[in-house]
């Protein structure tokens, strides 16, 4: 009986491709918000830049590979418009040459507790995302509070503006009614003046005859 043990590359490749697709999708959404001038765009821009810098930088581990680019994961130019690219062939070559080093680049277990949670880009990235998103103390939650306060301020301003316009409308209606009443009085005066003129003409006519 012969037994051959091989690395399950399909699952590894699928996981890497999932990371690349998720990053590019998030990057596209950030670009859309930045282009629209969204109030959160500067915050999202900084967050994306932090992640991008982390993914492009040196990743401390005891293996041979220190950069994702060495295993086929690179970036196009541009922060908000750039994308992550995955060269499967380069990755498989690196995995075939030094599988342990590739694994350590992504995650490793240095305290021998059976959990690969002591380092590598996967753990570093996960911790950063957690710090942004965790409970009520994460940066995203803090930003949400800022946005809610801003919304309340805007709602208050809208309410004040609506109150002002309602008062302004009532004032304009009152002025219009006053003008209409004045016009009616002027029309009455014109009618009276016309009547007087008519009567004077009749009187003058009588005097002449």
N, C-alpha and C. Protein backbone atom coordinates (compact mmCIF):
# COMPACT_ATOMS: atom_id res chain seq x y z
N UNK A 1 0.84 -1.20 0.00
CA UNK A 1 0.00 0.00 0.00
C UNK A 1 0.87 1.24 0.00
N UNK A 2 0.56 2.16 -0.88
CA UNK A 2 1.31 3.43 -0.91
C UNK A 2 0.35 4.57 -0.58
N UNK A 3 0.83 5.48 0.26
CA UNK A 3 0.02 6.64 0.65
C UNK A 3 0.76 7.89 0.24
N UNK A 4 0.08 8.79 -0.46
CA UNK A 4 0.70 10.04 -0.88
C UNK A 4 -0.06 11.20 -0.23
N UNK A 5 0.67 12.02 0.48
CA UNK A 5 0.06 13.17 1.14
C UNK A 5 0.39 14.43 0.33
N UNK A 6 -0.64 15.17 -0.09
CA UNK A 6 -0.45 16.38 -0.88
C UNK A 6 -1.19 17.55 -0.23
N UNK A 7 -0.68 18.73 -0.48
CA UNK A 7 -1.33 19.93 0.03
C UNK A 7 -2.62 20.19 -0.75
N UNK A 8 -3.69 20.51 -0.03
CA UNK A 8 -4.97 20.80 -0.68
C UNK A 8 -4.92 22.23 -1.21
N UNK A 9 -4.36 22.38 -2.40
CA UNK A 9 -4.16 23.73 -2.96
C UNK A 9 -5.47 24.40 -3.36
N UNK A 10 -6.48 23.63 -3.73
CA UNK A 10 -7.74 24.22 -4.20
C UNK A 10 -8.39 25.08 -3.12
N UNK A 11 -8.42 24.56 -1.88
CA UNK A 11 -9.03 25.33 -0.79
C UNK A 11 -8.23 26.60 -0.49
N UNK A 12 -6.91 26.45 -0.54
CA UNK A 12 -6.03 27.59 -0.26
C UNK A 12 -6.23 28.66 -1.33
N UNK A 13 -6.24 28.24 -2.60
CA UNK A 13 -6.42 29.17 -3.71
C UNK A 13 -7.79 29.84 -3.62
N UNK A 14 -8.81 29.06 -3.28
CA UNK A 14 -10.16 29.60 -3.15
C UNK A 14 -10.24 30.66 -2.04
N UNK A 15 -9.54 30.39 -0.94
CA UNK A 15 -9.54 31.33 0.18
C UNK A 15 -8.84 32.64 -0.21
N UNK A 16 -7.71 32.52 -0.91
CA UNK A 16 -6.97 33.70 -1.36
C UNK A 16 -7.81 34.51 -2.34
N UNK A 17 -8.45 33.83 -3.28
CA UNK A 17 -9.29 34.51 -4.25
C UNK A 17 -10.45 35.22 -3.57
N UNK A 18 -10.99 34.61 -2.52
CA UNK A 18 -12.06 35.24 -1.75
C UNK A 18 -11.60 36.53 -1.09
N UNK A 19 -10.37 36.51 -0.56
CA UNK A 19 -9.79 37.72 0.04
C UNK A 19 -9.64 38.82 -1.00
N UNK A 20 -9.12 38.45 -2.17
CA UNK A 20 -8.91 39.42 -3.25
C UNK A 20 -10.25 40.02 -3.71
N UNK A 21 -11.25 39.17 -3.91
CA UNK A 21 -12.56 39.64 -4.37
C UNK A 21 -13.21 40.56 -3.33
N UNK A 22 -13.11 40.21 -2.06
CA UNK A 22 -13.70 41.02 -1.00
C UNK A 22 -13.03 42.38 -0.92
N UNK A 23 -11.70 42.39 -1.03
CA UNK A 23 -10.97 43.66 -0.98
C UNK A 23 -11.37 44.55 -2.14
N UNK A 24 -11.42 43.99 -3.33
CA UNK A 24 -11.75 44.79 -4.52
C UNK A 24 -13.18 45.31 -4.47
N UNK A 25 -14.09 44.52 -3.93
CA UNK A 25 -15.48 44.97 -3.80
C UNK A 25 -15.56 46.15 -2.84
N UNK A 26 -14.88 46.02 -1.70
CA UNK A 26 -14.88 47.11 -0.72
C UNK A 26 -14.20 48.35 -1.30
N UNK A 27 -13.10 48.14 -2.04
CA UNK A 27 -12.39 49.25 -2.66
C UNK A 27 -13.27 49.98 -3.65
N UNK A 28 -14.07 49.25 -4.39
CA UNK A 28 -14.98 49.85 -5.37
C UNK A 28 -16.04 50.70 -4.67
N UNK A 29 -16.56 50.20 -3.56
CA UNK A 29 -17.57 50.95 -2.81
C UNK A 29 -16.99 52.23 -2.23
N UNK A 30 -15.75 52.15 -1.73
CA UNK A 30 -15.09 53.34 -1.19
C UNK A 30 -14.89 54.37 -2.30
N UNK A 31 -14.46 53.93 -3.47
CA UNK A 31 -14.24 54.84 -4.59
C UNK A 31 -15.54 55.55 -4.97
N UNK A 32 -16.64 54.80 -4.97
CA UNK A 32 -17.94 55.39 -5.31
C UNK A 32 -18.30 56.49 -4.30
N UNK A 33 -18.10 56.22 -3.02
CA UNK A 33 -18.41 57.20 -1.98
C UNK A 33 -17.51 58.43 -2.07
N UNK A 34 -16.22 58.19 -2.35
CA UNK A 34 -15.28 59.31 -2.48
C UNK A 34 -15.66 60.18 -3.68
N UNK A 35 -15.99 59.54 -4.80
CA UNK A 35 -16.37 60.29 -6.00
C UNK A 35 -17.64 61.09 -5.79
N UNK A 36 -18.54 60.58 -4.96
CA UNK A 36 -19.79 61.27 -4.68
C UNK A 36 -19.63 62.38 -3.64
N UNK A 37 -18.45 62.42 -3.02
CA UNK A 37 -18.24 63.43 -1.98
C UNK A 37 -18.98 63.11 -0.71
N UNK A 38 -19.18 61.81 -0.44
CA UNK A 38 -19.90 61.39 0.75
C UNK A 38 -19.20 61.90 2.01
N UNK A 39 -20.00 62.23 3.04
CA UNK A 39 -19.47 62.79 4.28
C UNK A 39 -18.50 61.82 4.97
N UNK A 40 -18.64 60.52 4.69
CA UNK A 40 -17.78 59.52 5.33
C UNK A 40 -16.56 59.17 4.48
N UNK A 41 -16.44 59.80 3.29
CA UNK A 41 -15.41 59.36 2.36
C UNK A 41 -14.00 59.49 2.93
N UNK A 42 -13.72 60.57 3.67
CA UNK A 42 -12.37 60.75 4.21
C UNK A 42 -12.05 59.66 5.24
N UNK A 43 -13.04 59.30 6.05
CA UNK A 43 -12.85 58.24 7.04
C UNK A 43 -12.61 56.90 6.36
N UNK A 44 -13.43 56.58 5.37
CA UNK A 44 -13.27 55.32 4.64
C UNK A 44 -11.96 55.30 3.86
N UNK A 45 -11.58 56.44 3.32
CA UNK A 45 -10.33 56.55 2.58
C UNK A 45 -9.15 56.22 3.48
N UNK A 46 -9.17 56.78 4.70
CA UNK A 46 -8.07 56.50 5.64
C UNK A 46 -8.05 55.03 6.03
N UNK A 47 -9.22 54.46 6.25
CA UNK A 47 -9.30 53.05 6.64
C UNK A 47 -8.77 52.17 5.52
N UNK A 48 -9.16 52.45 4.29
CA UNK A 48 -8.70 51.65 3.16
C UNK A 48 -7.19 51.80 2.96
N UNK A 49 -6.70 53.03 3.13
CA UNK A 49 -5.26 53.26 2.98
C UNK A 49 -4.47 52.48 4.03
N UNK A 50 -5.02 52.42 5.24
CA UNK A 50 -4.35 51.66 6.31
C UNK A 50 -4.29 50.18 5.96
N UNK A 51 -5.39 49.63 5.48
CA UNK A 51 -5.41 48.22 5.10
C UNK A 51 -4.47 47.96 3.93
N UNK A 52 -4.49 48.85 2.96
CA UNK A 52 -3.65 48.66 1.77
C UNK A 52 -2.17 48.70 2.15
N UNK A 53 -1.80 49.67 3.01
CA UNK A 53 -0.42 49.78 3.45
C UNK A 53 0.00 48.52 4.20
N UNK A 54 -0.91 48.00 5.02
CA UNK A 54 -0.64 46.79 5.78
C UNK A 54 -0.42 45.60 4.84
N UNK A 55 -1.26 45.48 3.83
CA UNK A 55 -1.18 44.35 2.91
C UNK A 55 0.03 44.42 1.99
N UNK A 56 0.49 45.63 1.73
CA UNK A 56 1.65 45.79 0.86
C UNK A 56 2.97 45.74 1.62
N UNK A 57 2.92 45.96 2.92
CA UNK A 57 4.14 46.05 3.71
C UNK A 57 4.72 44.70 4.10
N UNK A 58 5.81 44.77 4.83
CA UNK A 58 6.48 43.56 5.30
C UNK A 58 5.66 42.89 6.39
N UNK A 59 5.52 41.59 6.29
CA UNK A 59 4.72 40.81 7.24
C UNK A 59 5.66 39.93 8.05
N UNK A 60 5.84 40.28 9.30
CA UNK A 60 6.81 39.58 10.15
C UNK A 60 6.43 38.12 10.39
N UNK A 61 7.34 37.22 10.08
CA UNK A 61 7.15 35.80 10.37
C UNK A 61 8.50 35.12 10.17
N UNK A 62 8.59 33.88 10.61
CA UNK A 62 9.86 33.16 10.56
C UNK A 62 10.09 32.43 9.25
N UNK A 63 9.18 32.61 8.29
CA UNK A 63 9.33 31.94 7.00
C UNK A 63 10.17 32.76 6.03
N UNK A 64 10.30 32.25 4.84
CA UNK A 64 11.10 32.91 3.80
C UNK A 64 10.40 34.13 3.22
N UNK A 65 9.09 34.01 3.02
CA UNK A 65 8.33 35.08 2.38
C UNK A 65 7.89 36.14 3.40
N UNK A 66 8.17 37.40 3.08
CA UNK A 66 7.80 38.50 3.97
C UNK A 66 6.77 39.44 3.34
N UNK A 67 6.51 39.29 2.06
CA UNK A 67 5.58 40.17 1.35
C UNK A 67 4.58 39.34 0.55
N UNK A 68 3.35 39.82 0.47
CA UNK A 68 2.34 39.11 -0.32
C UNK A 68 2.71 39.09 -1.79
N UNK A 69 3.42 40.13 -2.23
CA UNK A 69 3.83 40.17 -3.64
C UNK A 69 4.71 38.98 -4.01
N UNK A 70 5.41 38.43 -3.02
CA UNK A 70 6.31 37.31 -3.28
C UNK A 70 5.54 36.02 -3.57
N UNK A 71 4.26 36.01 -3.21
CA UNK A 71 3.45 34.82 -3.47
C UNK A 71 2.33 35.12 -4.46
N UNK A 72 2.50 36.20 -5.23
CA UNK A 72 1.55 36.47 -6.33
C UNK A 72 0.39 37.38 -6.01
N UNK A 73 0.41 38.06 -4.86
CA UNK A 73 -0.69 38.98 -4.52
C UNK A 73 -0.15 40.41 -4.59
N UNK A 74 -0.57 41.15 -5.59
CA UNK A 74 -0.05 42.49 -5.84
C UNK A 74 -1.20 43.49 -5.96
N UNK A 75 -0.83 44.76 -6.11
CA UNK A 75 -1.81 45.83 -6.24
C UNK A 75 -1.52 46.67 -7.48
N UNK A 76 -2.60 47.12 -8.12
CA UNK A 76 -2.44 48.08 -9.20
C UNK A 76 -2.21 49.44 -8.57
N UNK A 77 -1.77 50.40 -9.34
CA UNK A 77 -1.46 51.71 -8.80
C UNK A 77 -2.74 52.46 -8.43
N UNK A 78 -2.63 53.35 -7.45
CA UNK A 78 -3.76 54.16 -7.03
C UNK A 78 -4.36 53.64 -5.75
N UNK A 79 -4.71 54.56 -4.85
CA UNK A 79 -5.27 54.14 -3.57
C UNK A 79 -6.75 53.83 -3.71
N UNK A 80 -7.53 54.79 -4.22
CA UNK A 80 -8.97 54.58 -4.29
C UNK A 80 -9.38 53.84 -5.55
N UNK A 81 -8.54 53.90 -6.59
CA UNK A 81 -8.91 53.25 -7.84
C UNK A 81 -8.17 51.93 -8.05
N UNK A 82 -7.12 51.68 -7.25
CA UNK A 82 -6.33 50.47 -7.42
C UNK A 82 -7.06 49.23 -6.94
N UNK A 83 -6.66 48.10 -7.47
CA UNK A 83 -7.26 46.83 -7.09
C UNK A 83 -6.19 45.83 -6.70
N UNK A 84 -6.61 44.80 -5.98
CA UNK A 84 -5.72 43.71 -5.61
C UNK A 84 -5.79 42.65 -6.71
N UNK A 85 -4.63 42.12 -7.08
CA UNK A 85 -4.58 41.13 -8.14
C UNK A 85 -3.92 39.84 -7.62
N UNK A 86 -4.37 38.72 -8.13
CA UNK A 86 -3.89 37.43 -7.66
C UNK A 86 -3.36 36.63 -8.84
N UNK A 87 -2.06 36.36 -8.80
CA UNK A 87 -1.43 35.52 -9.82
C UNK A 87 -1.37 34.09 -9.29
N UNK A 88 -2.29 33.29 -9.74
CA UNK A 88 -2.41 31.92 -9.23
C UNK A 88 -1.15 31.10 -9.50
N UNK A 89 -0.57 31.29 -10.66
CA UNK A 89 0.62 30.52 -11.03
C UNK A 89 1.79 30.82 -10.09
N UNK A 90 2.01 32.11 -9.82
CA UNK A 90 3.09 32.50 -8.90
C UNK A 90 2.84 31.95 -7.51
N UNK A 91 1.58 32.00 -7.10
CA UNK A 91 1.22 31.50 -5.77
C UNK A 91 1.49 30.00 -5.66
N UNK A 92 1.06 29.24 -6.65
CA UNK A 92 1.25 27.79 -6.62
C UNK A 92 2.73 27.42 -6.66
N UNK A 93 3.52 28.20 -7.39
CA UNK A 93 4.96 27.94 -7.43
C UNK A 93 5.58 28.14 -6.05
N UNK A 94 5.17 29.25 -5.38
CA UNK A 94 5.69 29.53 -4.04
C UNK A 94 5.21 28.47 -3.05
N UNK A 95 3.96 28.06 -3.20
CA UNK A 95 3.41 27.04 -2.30
C UNK A 95 4.09 25.70 -2.50
N UNK A 96 4.42 25.38 -3.73
CA UNK A 96 5.11 24.12 -4.02
C UNK A 96 6.54 24.15 -3.50
N UNK A 97 7.19 25.31 -3.64
CA UNK A 97 8.59 25.43 -3.22
C UNK A 97 8.74 25.42 -1.70
N UNK A 98 7.93 26.22 -1.02
CA UNK A 98 8.03 26.33 0.44
C UNK A 98 6.65 26.50 1.07
N UNK A 99 5.90 25.42 1.17
CA UNK A 99 4.54 25.49 1.71
C UNK A 99 4.49 26.03 3.14
N UNK A 100 5.47 25.66 3.97
CA UNK A 100 5.47 26.15 5.36
C UNK A 100 5.64 27.66 5.41
N UNK A 101 6.49 28.20 4.54
CA UNK A 101 6.72 29.64 4.51
C UNK A 101 5.47 30.39 4.05
N UNK A 102 4.76 29.82 3.09
CA UNK A 102 3.51 30.44 2.62
C UNK A 102 2.49 30.47 3.75
N UNK A 103 2.38 29.37 4.46
CA UNK A 103 1.43 29.30 5.57
C UNK A 103 1.79 30.30 6.65
N UNK A 104 3.07 30.44 6.97
CA UNK A 104 3.50 31.37 8.01
C UNK A 104 3.26 32.82 7.58
N UNK A 105 3.31 33.07 6.27
CA UNK A 105 3.04 34.42 5.79
C UNK A 105 1.60 34.83 6.12
N UNK A 106 0.71 33.84 6.09
CA UNK A 106 -0.70 34.14 6.36
C UNK A 106 -1.07 33.95 7.82
N UNK A 107 -0.58 32.91 8.46
CA UNK A 107 -0.88 32.69 9.88
C UNK A 107 0.05 31.62 10.44
N UNK A 108 0.29 31.69 11.74
CA UNK A 108 1.14 30.67 12.35
C UNK A 108 0.84 30.55 13.84
N UNK A 109 1.32 29.47 14.42
CA UNK A 109 1.13 29.17 15.84
C UNK A 109 2.50 29.13 16.51
N UNK A 110 2.87 30.24 17.16
CA UNK A 110 4.20 30.31 17.79
C UNK A 110 4.18 29.87 19.25
N UNK A 111 3.02 29.88 19.89
CA UNK A 111 2.96 29.47 21.30
C UNK A 111 2.51 28.02 21.46
N UNK A 112 2.34 27.35 20.32
CA UNK A 112 2.03 25.90 20.32
C UNK A 112 0.77 25.56 21.12
N UNK A 113 -0.24 26.39 20.97
CA UNK A 113 -1.51 26.09 21.63
C UNK A 113 -2.51 25.45 20.67
N UNK A 114 -2.04 25.15 19.48
CA UNK A 114 -2.90 24.50 18.50
C UNK A 114 -3.71 25.47 17.66
N UNK A 115 -3.57 26.77 17.93
CA UNK A 115 -4.32 27.78 17.19
C UNK A 115 -3.35 28.63 16.38
N UNK A 116 -3.65 28.78 15.10
CA UNK A 116 -2.78 29.58 14.24
C UNK A 116 -3.22 31.05 14.32
N UNK A 117 -3.09 31.63 15.50
CA UNK A 117 -3.57 32.99 15.72
C UNK A 117 -2.50 33.93 16.29
N UNK A 118 -1.24 33.58 16.08
CA UNK A 118 -0.16 34.36 16.69
C UNK A 118 0.49 35.36 15.74
N UNK A 119 0.18 35.31 14.48
CA UNK A 119 0.78 36.25 13.54
C UNK A 119 0.44 35.91 12.12
N UNK A 120 1.02 36.65 11.19
CA UNK A 120 0.69 36.47 9.79
C UNK A 120 -0.36 37.50 9.37
N UNK A 121 -0.47 37.72 8.07
CA UNK A 121 -1.34 38.77 7.56
C UNK A 121 -2.82 38.52 7.89
N UNK A 122 -3.23 37.27 7.90
CA UNK A 122 -4.63 36.97 8.18
C UNK A 122 -5.02 37.45 9.59
N UNK A 123 -4.16 37.17 10.56
CA UNK A 123 -4.45 37.59 11.93
C UNK A 123 -4.33 39.11 12.10
N UNK A 124 -3.31 39.69 11.48
CA UNK A 124 -3.13 41.14 11.58
C UNK A 124 -4.32 41.88 10.97
N UNK A 125 -4.76 41.43 9.80
CA UNK A 125 -5.89 42.04 9.13
C UNK A 125 -7.18 41.86 9.93
N UNK A 126 -7.35 40.67 10.48
CA UNK A 126 -8.55 40.39 11.27
C UNK A 126 -8.62 41.28 12.50
N UNK A 127 -7.48 41.49 13.16
CA UNK A 127 -7.44 42.35 14.35
C UNK A 127 -7.76 43.80 13.99
N UNK A 128 -7.23 44.27 12.87
CA UNK A 128 -7.49 45.64 12.44
C UNK A 128 -8.97 45.84 12.13
N UNK A 129 -9.55 44.88 11.42
CA UNK A 129 -10.98 44.96 11.10
C UNK A 129 -11.81 44.93 12.37
N UNK A 130 -11.41 44.08 13.32
CA UNK A 130 -12.12 44.00 14.59
C UNK A 130 -12.06 45.33 15.33
N UNK A 131 -10.88 45.97 15.32
CA UNK A 131 -10.74 47.25 16.01
C UNK A 131 -11.62 48.33 15.39
N UNK A 132 -11.83 48.23 14.09
CA UNK A 132 -12.70 49.19 13.42
C UNK A 132 -14.18 48.92 13.70
N UNK A 133 -14.52 47.66 13.83
CA UNK A 133 -15.93 47.29 13.85
C UNK A 133 -16.49 46.84 15.19
N UNK A 134 -15.64 46.58 16.20
CA UNK A 134 -16.13 45.98 17.43
C UNK A 134 -17.08 46.89 18.21
N UNK A 135 -18.18 46.30 18.63
CA UNK A 135 -19.13 46.92 19.56
C UNK A 135 -19.27 48.42 19.49
N UNK A 136 -19.34 49.04 20.65
CA UNK A 136 -19.54 50.48 20.74
C UNK A 136 -18.23 51.23 20.85
N UNK A 137 -17.10 50.52 20.85
CA UNK A 137 -15.80 51.20 20.99
C UNK A 137 -15.02 51.22 19.69
N UNK A 138 -15.54 50.60 18.65
CA UNK A 138 -14.83 50.57 17.38
C UNK A 138 -14.90 51.91 16.66
N UNK A 139 -13.96 52.13 15.74
CA UNK A 139 -13.90 53.39 15.01
C UNK A 139 -15.15 53.61 14.17
N UNK A 140 -15.69 52.54 13.59
CA UNK A 140 -16.89 52.69 12.78
C UNK A 140 -18.07 53.11 13.64
N UNK A 141 -18.17 52.54 14.84
CA UNK A 141 -19.26 52.91 15.74
C UNK A 141 -19.10 54.37 16.18
N UNK A 142 -17.86 54.77 16.45
CA UNK A 142 -17.62 56.17 16.81
C UNK A 142 -18.02 57.09 15.67
N UNK A 143 -17.68 56.67 14.47
CA UNK A 143 -18.06 57.47 13.29
C UNK A 143 -19.57 57.50 13.14
N UNK A 144 -20.23 56.40 13.45
CA UNK A 144 -21.69 56.35 13.36
C UNK A 144 -22.32 57.35 14.32
N UNK A 145 -21.73 57.47 15.52
CA UNK A 145 -22.23 58.43 16.50
C UNK A 145 -22.08 59.85 15.98
N UNK A 146 -20.93 60.11 15.34
CA UNK A 146 -20.70 61.43 14.76
C UNK A 146 -21.76 61.74 13.70
N UNK A 147 -22.03 60.74 12.86
CA UNK A 147 -23.00 60.92 11.79
C UNK A 147 -24.40 61.14 12.36
N UNK A 148 -24.75 60.40 13.40
CA UNK A 148 -26.06 60.57 14.02
C UNK A 148 -26.22 61.97 14.61
N UNK A 149 -25.16 62.47 15.24
CA UNK A 149 -25.21 63.82 15.79
C UNK A 149 -25.35 64.86 14.67
N UNK A 150 -24.61 64.61 13.59
CA UNK A 150 -24.70 65.51 12.44
C UNK A 150 -26.11 65.48 11.86
N UNK A 151 -26.69 64.28 11.79
CA UNK A 151 -28.06 64.15 11.29
C UNK A 151 -29.03 64.93 12.17
N UNK A 152 -28.85 64.82 13.49
CA UNK A 152 -29.72 65.54 14.41
C UNK A 152 -29.60 67.04 14.20
N UNK A 153 -28.36 67.51 13.98
CA UNK A 153 -28.15 68.94 13.74
C UNK A 153 -28.84 69.38 12.45
N UNK A 154 -28.71 68.54 11.42
CA UNK A 154 -29.34 68.87 10.14
C UNK A 154 -30.86 68.86 10.28
N UNK A 155 -31.39 67.85 10.98
CA UNK A 155 -32.84 67.77 11.20
C UNK A 155 -33.33 69.01 11.94
N UNK A 156 -32.54 69.44 12.93
CA UNK A 156 -32.91 70.63 13.70
C UNK A 156 -32.92 71.86 12.81
N UNK A 157 -31.91 71.96 11.95
CA UNK A 157 -31.85 73.10 11.04
C UNK A 157 -33.02 73.09 10.07
N UNK A 158 -33.33 71.89 9.56
CA UNK A 158 -34.47 71.76 8.64
C UNK A 158 -35.75 72.18 9.34
N UNK A 159 -35.91 71.73 10.59
CA UNK A 159 -37.11 72.08 11.36
C UNK A 159 -37.20 73.59 11.55
N UNK A 160 -36.06 74.21 11.87
CA UNK A 160 -36.04 75.66 12.05
C UNK A 160 -36.34 76.38 10.74
N UNK A 161 -35.75 75.85 9.65
CA UNK A 161 -35.99 76.46 8.35
C UNK A 161 -37.46 76.32 7.95
N UNK A 162 -38.03 75.15 8.22
CA UNK A 162 -39.44 74.93 7.89
C UNK A 162 -40.32 75.88 8.70
N UNK A 163 -39.98 76.05 9.98
CA UNK A 163 -40.73 76.98 10.82
C UNK A 163 -40.62 78.41 10.28
N UNK A 164 -39.40 78.77 9.85
CA UNK A 164 -39.19 80.11 9.29
C UNK A 164 -40.03 80.30 8.03
N UNK A 165 -40.01 79.29 7.14
CA UNK A 165 -40.74 79.43 5.89
C UNK A 165 -42.25 79.44 6.10
N UNK A 166 -42.71 78.69 7.11
CA UNK A 166 -44.13 78.73 7.43
C UNK A 166 -44.52 80.14 7.89
N UNK A 167 -43.69 80.71 8.77
CA UNK A 167 -43.96 82.07 9.24
C UNK A 167 -43.87 83.07 8.09
N UNK A 168 -42.86 82.86 7.23
CA UNK A 168 -42.69 83.74 6.08
C UNK A 168 -43.88 83.65 5.15
N UNK A 169 -44.38 82.42 4.94
CA UNK A 169 -45.54 82.22 4.08
C UNK A 169 -46.76 82.92 4.66
N UNK A 170 -46.97 82.76 5.98
CA UNK A 170 -48.12 83.40 6.63
C UNK A 170 -48.02 84.92 6.52
N UNK A 171 -46.79 85.44 6.67
CA UNK A 171 -46.60 86.89 6.56
C UNK A 171 -46.91 87.39 5.16
N UNK A 172 -46.45 86.63 4.15
CA UNK A 172 -46.70 87.02 2.77
C UNK A 172 -48.19 86.96 2.44
N UNK A 173 -48.86 85.94 2.97
CA UNK A 173 -50.31 85.83 2.75
C UNK A 173 -51.03 87.01 3.39
N UNK A 174 -50.60 87.36 4.61
CA UNK A 174 -51.22 88.50 5.30
C UNK A 174 -50.99 89.79 4.51
N UNK A 175 -49.77 89.97 4.00
CA UNK A 175 -49.47 91.16 3.21
C UNK A 175 -50.30 91.19 1.93
N UNK A 176 -50.48 90.04 1.31
CA UNK A 176 -51.26 89.96 0.09
C UNK A 176 -52.72 90.33 0.36
N UNK A 177 -53.24 89.81 1.49
CA UNK A 177 -54.62 90.13 1.86
C UNK A 177 -54.79 91.62 2.13
N UNK A 178 -53.80 92.21 2.80
CA UNK A 178 -53.84 93.64 3.07
C UNK A 178 -53.80 94.44 1.77
N UNK A 179 -52.95 94.01 0.84
CA UNK A 179 -52.87 94.68 -0.44
C UNK A 179 -54.17 94.54 -1.21
N UNK A 180 -54.78 93.34 -1.11
CA UNK A 180 -56.05 93.12 -1.78
C UNK A 180 -57.13 94.03 -1.20
N UNK A 181 -57.12 94.16 0.14
CA UNK A 181 -58.11 95.03 0.79
C UNK A 181 -57.89 96.48 0.37
N UNK A 182 -56.61 96.89 0.30
CA UNK A 182 -56.28 98.26 -0.14
C UNK A 182 -56.73 98.49 -1.57
N UNK A 183 -56.51 97.48 -2.42
CA UNK A 183 -56.92 97.58 -3.81
C UNK A 183 -58.44 97.74 -3.92
N UNK A 184 -59.16 96.97 -3.11
CA UNK A 184 -60.62 97.08 -3.11
C UNK A 184 -61.08 98.48 -2.69
N UNK A 185 -60.38 99.05 -1.69
CA UNK A 185 -60.71 100.41 -1.25
C UNK A 185 -60.42 101.42 -2.37
N UNK A 186 -59.30 101.22 -3.05
CA UNK A 186 -58.97 102.11 -4.15
C UNK A 186 -60.00 102.01 -5.28
N UNK A 187 -60.43 100.75 -5.55
CA UNK A 187 -61.45 100.56 -6.58
C UNK A 187 -62.75 101.24 -6.18
N UNK A 188 -63.08 101.18 -4.87
CA UNK A 188 -64.30 101.84 -4.37
C UNK A 188 -64.17 103.35 -4.52
N UNK A 189 -62.96 103.87 -4.21
CA UNK A 189 -62.73 105.31 -4.35
C UNK A 189 -62.83 105.72 -5.81
N UNK A 190 -62.30 104.85 -6.69
CA UNK A 190 -62.38 105.15 -8.12
C UNK A 190 -63.84 105.20 -8.57
N UNK A 191 -64.63 104.24 -8.07
CA UNK A 191 -66.06 104.21 -8.41
C UNK A 191 -66.74 105.48 -7.92
N UNK A 192 -66.42 105.88 -6.68
CA UNK A 192 -67.02 107.10 -6.12
C UNK A 192 -66.59 108.33 -6.92
N UNK A 193 -65.30 108.35 -7.27
CA UNK A 193 -64.80 109.48 -8.05
C UNK A 193 -65.48 109.55 -9.40
N UNK A 194 -65.67 108.38 -10.03
CA UNK A 194 -66.35 108.34 -11.32
C UNK A 194 -67.78 108.83 -11.19
N UNK A 195 -68.43 108.43 -10.07
CA UNK A 195 -69.82 108.84 -9.82
C UNK A 195 -69.90 110.35 -9.64
N UNK A 196 -68.96 110.88 -8.92
CA UNK A 196 -68.93 112.34 -8.70
C UNK A 196 -68.76 113.07 -10.02
N UNK A 197 -67.84 112.56 -10.83
CA UNK A 197 -67.60 113.18 -12.13
C UNK A 197 -68.85 113.16 -12.99
N UNK A 198 -69.54 112.02 -12.95
CA UNK A 198 -70.77 111.88 -13.73
C UNK A 198 -71.82 112.88 -13.25
N UNK A 199 -71.96 112.98 -11.94
CA UNK A 199 -72.96 113.90 -11.37
C UNK A 199 -72.62 115.35 -11.70
N UNK A 200 -71.31 115.66 -11.64
CA UNK A 200 -70.90 117.02 -11.99
C UNK A 200 -71.22 117.35 -13.41
N UNK A 201 -70.99 116.38 -14.29
CA UNK A 201 -71.33 116.60 -15.70
C UNK A 201 -72.80 116.86 -15.89
N UNK A 202 -73.64 116.13 -15.14
CA UNK A 202 -75.08 116.31 -15.22
C UNK A 202 -75.48 117.71 -14.72
N UNK A 203 -74.83 118.08 -13.62
CA UNK A 203 -75.15 119.41 -13.06
C UNK A 203 -74.73 120.50 -14.04
N UNK A 204 -73.51 120.37 -14.59
CA UNK A 204 -73.04 121.36 -15.55
C UNK A 204 -73.92 121.43 -16.75
N UNK A 205 -74.38 120.27 -17.15
CA UNK A 205 -75.29 120.23 -18.30
C UNK A 205 -76.59 120.96 -18.02
N UNK A 206 -77.08 120.80 -16.82
CA UNK A 206 -78.35 121.46 -16.42
C UNK A 206 -78.17 122.95 -16.37
N UNK A 207 -77.01 123.38 -15.83
CA UNK A 207 -76.74 124.80 -15.70
C UNK A 207 -76.64 125.44 -17.08
N UNK A 208 -76.00 124.74 -17.99
CA UNK A 208 -75.82 125.28 -19.33
C UNK A 208 -77.14 125.41 -20.04
N UNK A 209 -77.99 124.41 -19.89
CA UNK A 209 -79.30 124.45 -20.55
C UNK A 209 -80.19 125.50 -19.91
